[in-house]
Amino acid sequence: MWNIGLVAPEDEPLLGIARFWVEGRDPLKPGECRSVRLLPLTFEHWRHLREGDVITMHEMRPRVGTALITEIISPVAAIS
């Protein structure tokens, strides 16, 4: 679950869900940095994000990681 900057009617963050995988062969260990790919399940909620934005990963309430967006590929471009 990712805090992508949207807010629910209750003034709580509206978390976005995305498939997540780490680039490379070795598993990502706590505290390490690595390129990852996200595949949002509801892309329309993520459209406002731009390269350079930072989003946070959550497991329930605590933050467990951050991501700097370095590239965005639209679903339409990915299919072509």
Protein backbone atom coordinates (compact mmCIF):
# COMPACT_ATOMS: atom_id res chain seq x y z
CA MET A 1 0.00 0.00 0.00
CA TRP A 2 1.35 3.40 -0.99
CA ASN A 3 0.61 6.91 0.22
CA ILE A 4 0.34 8.64 -3.15
CA GLY A 5 -0.92 11.97 -1.84
CA LEU A 6 -4.67 11.39 -2.01
CA VAL A 7 -6.94 12.00 0.99
CA ALA A 8 -10.09 10.05 1.90
CA PRO A 9 -13.25 11.88 3.05
CA GLU A 10 -12.26 11.14 6.69
CA ASP A 11 -9.03 13.20 6.16
CA GLU A 12 -6.99 10.00 6.25
CA PRO A 13 -4.51 9.15 3.49
CA LEU A 14 -6.13 7.18 0.67
CA LEU A 15 -3.55 4.46 0.06
CA GLY A 16 -2.98 3.11 -3.44
CA ILE A 17 -2.28 -0.55 -4.08
CA ALA A 18 0.33 -1.69 -6.58
CA ARG A 19 2.14 -4.87 -7.54
CA PHE A 20 5.75 -4.47 -6.51
CA TRP A 21 8.90 -6.21 -7.65
CA VAL A 22 12.60 -5.59 -7.12
CA GLU A 23 15.00 -5.31 -10.06
CA GLY A 24 17.85 -7.82 -10.01
CA ARG A 25 18.34 -11.28 -8.62
CA ASP A 26 19.04 -10.73 -4.92
CA PRO A 27 16.20 -10.06 -2.46
CA LEU A 28 15.97 -6.54 -1.04
CA LYS A 29 17.13 -6.49 2.58
CA PRO A 30 15.94 -4.00 5.24
CA GLY A 31 17.66 -0.64 4.82
CA GLU A 32 18.87 -1.34 1.27
CA CYS A 33 18.07 0.73 -1.80
CA ARG A 34 17.30 -0.75 -5.18
CA SER A 35 15.33 -0.03 -8.32
CA VAL A 36 11.81 -1.41 -8.08
CA ARG A 37 8.80 -1.43 -10.37
CA LEU A 38 5.24 -0.71 -9.34
CA LEU A 39 2.15 -1.73 -11.25
CA PRO A 40 -0.82 0.21 -9.81
CA LEU A 41 -4.07 -1.73 -9.62
CA THR A 42 -6.07 1.48 -10.15
CA PHE A 43 -3.86 3.55 -12.45
CA GLU A 44 -6.32 6.47 -12.52
CA HIS A 45 -5.52 7.17 -8.84
CA TRP A 46 -1.81 7.48 -9.68
CA ARG A 47 -2.06 9.80 -12.72
CA HIS A 48 -1.15 12.95 -10.74
CA LEU A 49 2.31 11.61 -9.83
CA ARG A 50 5.37 12.90 -11.70
CA GLU A 51 9.04 11.97 -11.95
CA GLY A 52 10.79 13.28 -8.83
CA ASP A 53 7.80 12.69 -6.51
CA VAL A 54 8.43 10.64 -3.37
CA ILE A 55 5.79 8.19 -2.13
CA THR A 56 5.77 6.07 1.02
CA MET A 57 5.09 2.35 1.40
CA HIS A 58 2.92 1.18 4.29
CA GLU A 59 1.97 -2.08 5.96
CA MET A 60 -1.08 -0.90 7.85
CA ARG A 61 -0.16 2.28 9.77
CA PRO A 62 3.66 2.36 10.00
CA ARG A 63 5.75 3.53 7.06
CA VAL A 64 8.07 0.77 5.86
CA GLY A 65 9.77 2.38 2.90
CA THR A 66 9.94 5.23 0.43
CA ALA A 67 10.22 5.40 -3.34
CA LEU A 68 11.51 8.17 -5.59
CA ILE A 69 9.67 8.08 -8.91
CA THR A 70 12.25 8.08 -11.70
CA GLU A 71 10.14 6.98 -14.65
CA ILE A 72 6.45 6.69 -15.48
CA ILE A 73 5.18 4.46 -18.27
CA SER A 74 1.51 4.82 -19.07
CA PRO A 75 -0.48 1.58 -19.37
CA VAL A 76 -1.35 2.48 -22.97
CA ALA A 77 2.35 2.90 -23.88
CA ALA A 78 3.24 -0.35 -22.12
CA ILE A 79 0.74 -2.30 -24.29
CA SER A 80 1.93 -0.83 -27.62
